[in-house]
Amino acid sequence: MNSSNEITQWVDMYADKLLSQANFLLSDKEEAEDVVQEVFMTAFMSIDKFQRKSNPLTWLKSILTHKVADFYRNKYKFQQVNFDYFFDDEGSWKDNEITKEWEDSEFSLGTLLDDTEFKNVFDKCFEKLPEKWAVLVKMGYLEEKKSNDICQEMQITNTNYWKIMQRSRLQLRKCLELNWFDK
């Protein structure tokens, strides 16, 4: 079978799975479609490198992972994140209350995770995270990737990764306090 026919079969067999994963990682349908298209173009151009020791989907997913990392690397190469919400000009916390423990409430973690209204509030808070932060949180908590793998994939330092994760948690916490716990 020639490589063109093989790639055509792979598109039919694996496009939906790759698109689903890309959409999850990018949270943008059009960007996900573009990246999946790039995956198949890359596969077509480098099919001679595919050693057929694994399932084609495994190989395509590894290409997808690299394409998603490239997407975020290029997108955030020159962007600066603004932390004015949490820190003053000297780097101190604006609101020292942000680090105090949540007090016991009528809600337990199990109850909250089953509450549709809470999930909606959480989703809205999650959407307010800078896109790069949201990707790191998804990779770290939902995909349960190891921090070293995430740092390598996203080409960031371990220190930067942990700072972003901490700031993401703080921003989510503040948003939940304002929109759920203090309501």
C-alpha atoms as a PDB file:
ATOM      1  CA  MET A   1       0.000   0.000   0.000  1.00  0.00           C
ATOM      2  CA  ASN A   2       1.414   3.394  -0.871  1.00  0.00           C
ATOM      3  CA  SER A   3       1.841   6.070   1.769  1.00  0.00           C
ATOM      4  CA  SER A   4      -0.907   8.300   0.383  1.00  0.00           C
ATOM      5  CA  ASN A   5      -3.508   5.531   0.715  1.00  0.00           C
ATOM      6  CA  GLU A   6      -2.240   4.663   4.183  1.00  0.00           C
ATOM      7  CA  ILE A   7      -2.544   8.270   5.388  1.00  0.00           C
ATOM      8  CA  THR A   8      -6.042   8.466   3.881  1.00  0.00           C
ATOM      9  CA  GLN A   9      -7.028   5.384   5.888  1.00  0.00           C
ATOM     10  CA  TRP A  10      -5.527   6.914   9.040  1.00  0.00           C
ATOM     11  CA  VAL A  11      -7.531  10.094   8.527  1.00  0.00           C
ATOM     12  CA  ASP A  12     -10.707   8.018   8.334  1.00  0.00           C
ATOM     13  CA  MET A  13      -9.766   5.881  11.335  1.00  0.00           C
ATOM     14  CA  TYR A  14      -8.131   8.366  13.719  1.00  0.00           C
ATOM     15  CA  ALA A  15      -9.189  11.935  12.895  1.00  0.00           C
ATOM     16  CA  ASP A  16     -12.038  11.984  15.424  1.00  0.00           C
ATOM     17  CA  LYS A  17      -9.849  10.674  18.254  1.00  0.00           C
ATOM     18  CA  LEU A  18      -7.083  13.161  17.482  1.00  0.00           C
ATOM     19  CA  LEU A  19      -9.563  16.012  17.153  1.00  0.00           C
ATOM     20  CA  SER A  20     -11.105  15.144  20.494  1.00  0.00           C
ATOM     21  CA  GLN A  21      -7.714  15.175  22.206  1.00  0.00           C
ATOM     22  CA  ALA A  22      -6.624  18.371  20.433  1.00  0.00           C
ATOM     23  CA  ASN A  23      -9.879  20.105  21.353  1.00  0.00           C
ATOM     24  CA  PHE A  24      -9.354  19.109  24.988  1.00  0.00           C
ATOM     25  CA  LEU A  25      -5.777  20.406  25.009  1.00  0.00           C
ATOM     26  CA  LEU A  26      -6.464  23.618  23.109  1.00  0.00           C
ATOM     27  CA  SER A  27     -10.027  24.400  24.222  1.00  0.00           C
ATOM     28  CA  ASP A  28     -10.671  25.883  20.779  1.00  0.00           C
ATOM     29  CA  LYS A  29     -12.364  23.886  18.024  1.00  0.00           C
ATOM     30  CA  GLU A  30     -10.834  25.758  15.088  1.00  0.00           C
ATOM     31  CA  GLU A  31      -7.312  25.649  16.519  1.00  0.00           C
ATOM     32  CA  ALA A  32      -7.794  21.933  17.234  1.00  0.00           C
ATOM     33  CA  GLU A  33      -8.866  21.289  13.637  1.00  0.00           C
ATOM     34  CA  ASP A  34      -5.825  23.183  12.337  1.00  0.00           C
ATOM     35  CA  VAL A  35      -3.446  21.254  14.577  1.00  0.00           C
ATOM     36  CA  VAL A  36      -4.942  17.879  13.581  1.00  0.00           C
ATOM     37  CA  GLN A  37      -4.551  18.881   9.949  1.00  0.00           C
ATOM     38  CA  GLU A  38      -0.889  19.647  10.661  1.00  0.00           C
ATOM     39  CA  VAL A  39      -0.536  16.237  12.315  1.00  0.00           C
ATOM     40  CA  PHE A  40      -1.664  14.447   9.169  1.00  0.00           C
ATOM     41  CA  MET A  41       0.500  16.664   6.942  1.00  0.00           C
ATOM     42  CA  THR A  42       3.517  15.901   9.135  1.00  0.00           C
ATOM     43  CA  ALA A  43       2.670  12.200   9.101  1.00  0.00           C
ATOM     44  CA  PHE A  44       2.439  12.262   5.303  1.00  0.00           C
ATOM     45  CA  MET A  45       5.770  14.078   4.970  1.00  0.00           C
ATOM     46  CA  SER A  46       7.572  11.771   7.401  1.00  0.00           C
ATOM     47  CA  ILE A  47       5.826   8.419   6.985  1.00  0.00           C
ATOM     48  CA  ASP A  48       9.175   6.883   6.069  1.00  0.00           C
ATOM     49  CA  LYS A  49      10.238   7.525   9.696  1.00  0.00           C
ATOM     50  CA  PHE A  50       7.296   5.514  11.048  1.00  0.00           C
ATOM     51  CA  GLN A  51       8.872   2.199  11.982  1.00  0.00           C
ATOM     52  CA  ARG A  52       5.562   0.346  12.433  1.00  0.00           C
ATOM     53  CA  LYS A  53       6.623  -0.932  15.832  1.00  0.00           C
ATOM     54  CA  SER A  54       3.573   0.722  17.389  1.00  0.00           C
ATOM     55  CA  ASN A  55      -0.002   1.437  16.490  1.00  0.00           C
ATOM     56  CA  PRO A  56      -0.308   4.329  13.993  1.00  0.00           C
ATOM     57  CA  LEU A  57      -2.557   6.145  16.480  1.00  0.00           C
ATOM     58  CA  THR A  58       0.261   6.132  19.034  1.00  0.00           C
ATOM     59  CA  TRP A  59       2.604   7.701  16.497  1.00  0.00           C
ATOM     60  CA  LEU A  60      -0.010  10.261  15.444  1.00  0.00           C
ATOM     61  CA  LYS A  61      -0.697  11.180  19.081  1.00  0.00           C
ATOM     62  CA  SER A  62       2.993  11.813  19.660  1.00  0.00           C
ATOM     63  CA  ILE A  63       3.000  14.134  16.645  1.00  0.00           C
ATOM     64  CA  LEU A  64      -0.105  15.826  18.072  1.00  0.00           C
ATOM     65  CA  THR A  65       1.604  16.338  21.426  1.00  0.00           C
ATOM     66  CA  HIS A  66       4.516  18.072  19.716  1.00  0.00           C
ATOM     67  CA  LYS A  67       2.205  20.196  17.561  1.00  0.00           C
ATOM     68  CA  VAL A  68       0.214  21.338  20.620  1.00  0.00           C
ATOM     69  CA  ALA A  69       3.444  22.190  22.449  1.00  0.00           C
ATOM     70  CA  ASP A  70       4.634  24.145  19.402  1.00  0.00           C
ATOM     71  CA  PHE A  71       1.296  25.961  19.254  1.00  0.00           C
ATOM     72  CA  TYR A  72       1.560  27.161  22.860  1.00  0.00           C
ATOM     73  CA  ARG A  73       5.263  27.869  22.626  1.00  0.00           C
ATOM     74  CA  ASN A  74       4.665  30.154  19.647  1.00  0.00           C
ATOM     75  CA  LYS A  75       1.545  31.715  21.087  1.00  0.00           C
ATOM     76  CA  TYR A  76       3.120  32.673  24.403  1.00  0.00           C
ATOM     77  CA  LYS A  77       6.647  33.316  23.307  1.00  0.00           C
ATOM     78  CA  PHE A  78       6.436  37.061  23.859  1.00  0.00           C
ATOM     79  CA  GLN A  79       3.392  37.469  26.094  1.00  0.00           C
ATOM     80  CA  GLN A  80       3.758  38.589  29.675  1.00  0.00           C
ATOM     81  CA  VAL A  81       1.298  37.548  32.357  1.00  0.00           C
ATOM     82  CA  ASN A  82      -0.041  40.307  34.609  1.00  0.00           C
ATOM     83  CA  PHE A  83      -0.080  39.544  38.335  1.00  0.00           C
ATOM     84  CA  ASP A  84      -1.359  42.936  39.495  1.00  0.00           C
ATOM     85  CA  TYR A  85      -4.487  41.277  40.826  1.00  0.00           C
ATOM     86  CA  PHE A  86      -2.528  39.406  43.524  1.00  0.00           C
ATOM     87  CA  PHE A  87       0.668  41.407  44.135  1.00  0.00           C
ATOM     88  CA  ASP A  88       1.524  45.044  44.811  1.00  0.00           C
ATOM     89  CA  ASP A  89       4.458  46.924  43.238  1.00  0.00           C
ATOM     90  CA  GLU A  90       6.865  45.525  45.825  1.00  0.00           C
ATOM     91  CA  GLY A  91       5.818  41.908  45.238  1.00  0.00           C
ATOM     92  CA  SER A  92       3.818  41.559  48.456  1.00  0.00           C
ATOM     93  CA  TRP A  93       0.331  40.082  48.631  1.00  0.00           C
ATOM     94  CA  LYS A  94      -2.366  42.700  48.139  1.00  0.00           C
ATOM     95  CA  ASP A  95      -4.791  40.618  50.173  1.00  0.00           C
ATOM     96  CA  ASN A  96      -3.258  38.540  52.953  1.00  0.00           C
ATOM     97  CA  GLU A  97      -6.584  36.765  53.398  1.00  0.00           C
ATOM     98  CA  ILE A  98      -6.013  34.901  50.147  1.00  0.00           C
ATOM     99  CA  THR A  99      -3.647  32.425  51.796  1.00  0.00           C
ATOM    100  CA  LYS A 100      -5.779  31.613  54.822  1.00  0.00           C
ATOM    101  CA  GLU A 101      -7.497  28.246  55.010  1.00  0.00           C
ATOM    102  CA  TRP A 102     -11.067  27.877  53.852  1.00  0.00           C
ATOM    103  CA  GLU A 103     -13.263  27.373  56.832  1.00  0.00           C
ATOM    104  CA  ASP A 104     -15.413  24.299  57.134  1.00  0.00           C
ATOM    105  CA  SER A 105     -18.653  24.800  55.340  1.00  0.00           C
ATOM    106  CA  GLU A 106     -21.763  22.853  54.652  1.00  0.00           C
ATOM    107  CA  PHE A 107     -20.089  21.552  51.492  1.00  0.00           C
ATOM    108  CA  SER A 108     -17.737  18.637  51.405  1.00  0.00           C
ATOM    109  CA  LEU A 109     -15.547  17.939  48.390  1.00  0.00           C
ATOM    110  CA  GLY A 110     -17.745  15.013  47.364  1.00  0.00           C
ATOM    111  CA  THR A 111     -20.881  17.126  47.592  1.00  0.00           C
ATOM    112  CA  LEU A 112     -19.349  19.943  45.568  1.00  0.00           C
ATOM    113  CA  LEU A 113     -18.203  17.683  42.771  1.00  0.00           C
ATOM    114  CA  ASP A 114     -21.760  16.385  42.406  1.00  0.00           C
ATOM    115  CA  ASP A 115     -23.280  19.882  42.409  1.00  0.00           C
ATOM    116  CA  THR A 116     -24.068  21.112  38.884  1.00  0.00           C
ATOM    117  CA  GLU A 117     -24.259  24.734  39.983  1.00  0.00           C
ATOM    118  CA  PHE A 118     -20.807  24.520  41.593  1.00  0.00           C
ATOM    119  CA  LYS A 119     -19.396  22.882  38.454  1.00  0.00           C
ATOM    120  CA  ASN A 120     -20.751  25.782  36.371  1.00  0.00           C
ATOM    121  CA  VAL A 121     -19.132  28.325  38.704  1.00  0.00           C
ATOM    122  CA  PHE A 122     -15.870  26.374  38.663  1.00  0.00           C
ATOM    123  CA  ASP A 123     -15.897  26.175  34.845  1.00  0.00           C
ATOM    124  CA  LYS A 124     -16.402  29.948  34.618  1.00  0.00           C
ATOM    125  CA  CYS A 125     -13.521  30.484  37.053  1.00  0.00           C
ATOM    126  CA  PHE A 126     -11.344  28.085  35.066  1.00  0.00           C
ATOM    127  CA  GLU A 127     -12.114  29.988  31.855  1.00  0.00           C
ATOM    128  CA  LYS A 128     -10.752  33.159  33.484  1.00  0.00           C
ATOM    129  CA  LEU A 129      -7.297  31.627  33.851  1.00  0.00           C
ATOM    130  CA  PRO A 130      -4.768  32.733  31.247  1.00  0.00           C
ATOM    131  CA  GLU A 131      -4.787  30.131  28.500  1.00  0.00           C
ATOM    132  CA  LYS A 132      -1.261  28.882  29.197  1.00  0.00           C
ATOM    133  CA  TRP A 133      -2.104  28.427  32.868  1.00  0.00           C
ATOM    134  CA  ALA A 134      -5.227  26.463  32.002  1.00  0.00           C
ATOM    135  CA  VAL A 135      -3.224  24.146  29.744  1.00  0.00           C
ATOM    136  CA  LEU A 136      -0.675  23.478  32.491  1.00  0.00           C
ATOM    137  CA  VAL A 137      -3.449  22.786  35.011  1.00  0.00           C
ATOM    138  CA  LYS A 138      -5.117  20.371  32.564  1.00  0.00           C
ATOM    139  CA  MET A 139      -1.852  18.598  31.867  1.00  0.00           C
ATOM    140  CA  GLY A 140      -0.918  18.393  35.542  1.00  0.00           C
ATOM    141  CA  TYR A 141      -4.231  17.549  37.155  1.00  0.00           C
ATOM    142  CA  LEU A 142      -6.487  16.075  34.473  1.00  0.00           C
ATOM    143  CA  GLU A 143      -3.909  14.240  32.373  1.00  0.00           C
ATOM    144  CA  GLU A 144      -1.777  13.544  35.470  1.00  0.00           C
ATOM    145  CA  LYS A 145       1.456  14.159  33.606  1.00  0.00           C
ATOM    146  CA  LYS A 146       4.641  14.513  35.612  1.00  0.00           C
ATOM    147  CA  SER A 147       5.924  18.061  36.069  1.00  0.00           C
ATOM    148  CA  ASN A 148       9.251  17.289  34.381  1.00  0.00           C
ATOM    149  CA  ASP A 149       7.446  15.990  31.288  1.00  0.00           C
ATOM    150  CA  ILE A 150       5.213  19.061  31.179  1.00  0.00           C
ATOM    151  CA  CYS A 151       8.201  21.391  31.547  1.00  0.00           C
ATOM    152  CA  GLN A 152      10.026  19.650  28.733  1.00  0.00           C
ATOM    153  CA  GLU A 153       6.969  19.611  26.488  1.00  0.00           C
ATOM    154  CA  MET A 154       6.107  23.268  27.125  1.00  0.00           C
ATOM    155  CA  GLN A 155       9.762  24.349  27.293  1.00  0.00           C
ATOM    156  CA  ILE A 156       9.486  26.079  30.647  1.00  0.00           C
ATOM    157  CA  THR A 157      11.567  25.762  33.787  1.00  0.00           C
ATOM    158  CA  ASN A 158      10.430  23.666  36.714  1.00  0.00           C
ATOM    159  CA  THR A 159      10.326  26.810  38.875  1.00  0.00           C
ATOM    160  CA  ASN A 160       8.143  28.603  36.340  1.00  0.00           C
ATOM    161  CA  TYR A 161       5.826  25.594  36.159  1.00  0.00           C
ATOM    162  CA  TRP A 162       5.307  25.499  39.938  1.00  0.00           C
ATOM    163  CA  LYS A 163       4.796  29.271  40.121  1.00  0.00           C
ATOM    164  CA  ILE A 164       2.153  29.111  37.390  1.00  0.00           C
ATOM    165  CA  MET A 165       0.450  26.176  39.122  1.00  0.00           C
ATOM    166  CA  GLN A 166       0.450  28.027  42.461  1.00  0.00           C
ATOM    167  CA  ARG A 167      -0.890  31.206  40.893  1.00  0.00           C
ATOM    168  CA  SER A 168      -3.531  29.212  39.010  1.00  0.00           C
ATOM    169  CA  ARG A 169      -4.718  27.616  42.241  1.00  0.00           C
ATOM    170  CA  LEU A 170      -4.786  31.009  43.956  1.00  0.00           C
ATOM    171  CA  GLN A 171      -6.761  32.600  41.144  1.00  0.00           C
ATOM    172  CA  LEU A 172      -9.227  29.700  41.079  1.00  0.00           C
ATOM    173  CA  ARG A 173      -9.551  29.875  44.847  1.00  0.00           C
ATOM    174  CA  LYS A 174     -10.230  33.618  44.840  1.00  0.00           C
ATOM    175  CA  CYS A 175     -12.786  33.267  42.067  1.00  0.00           C
ATOM    176  CA  LEU A 176     -14.555  30.423  43.904  1.00  0.00           C
ATOM    177  CA  GLU A 177     -14.551  32.408  47.134  1.00  0.00           C
ATOM    178  CA  LEU A 178     -16.138  35.387  45.405  1.00  0.00           C
ATOM    179  CA  ASN A 179     -18.619  33.458  43.286  1.00  0.00           C
ATOM    180  CA  TRP A 180     -19.476  30.422  45.395  1.00  0.00           C
ATOM    181  CA  PHE A 181     -18.400  30.365  49.011  1.00  0.00           C
ATOM    182  CA  ASP A 182     -19.154  34.012  49.787  1.00  0.00           C
ATOM    183  CA  LYS A 183     -22.460  34.124  47.915  1.00  0.00           C
END
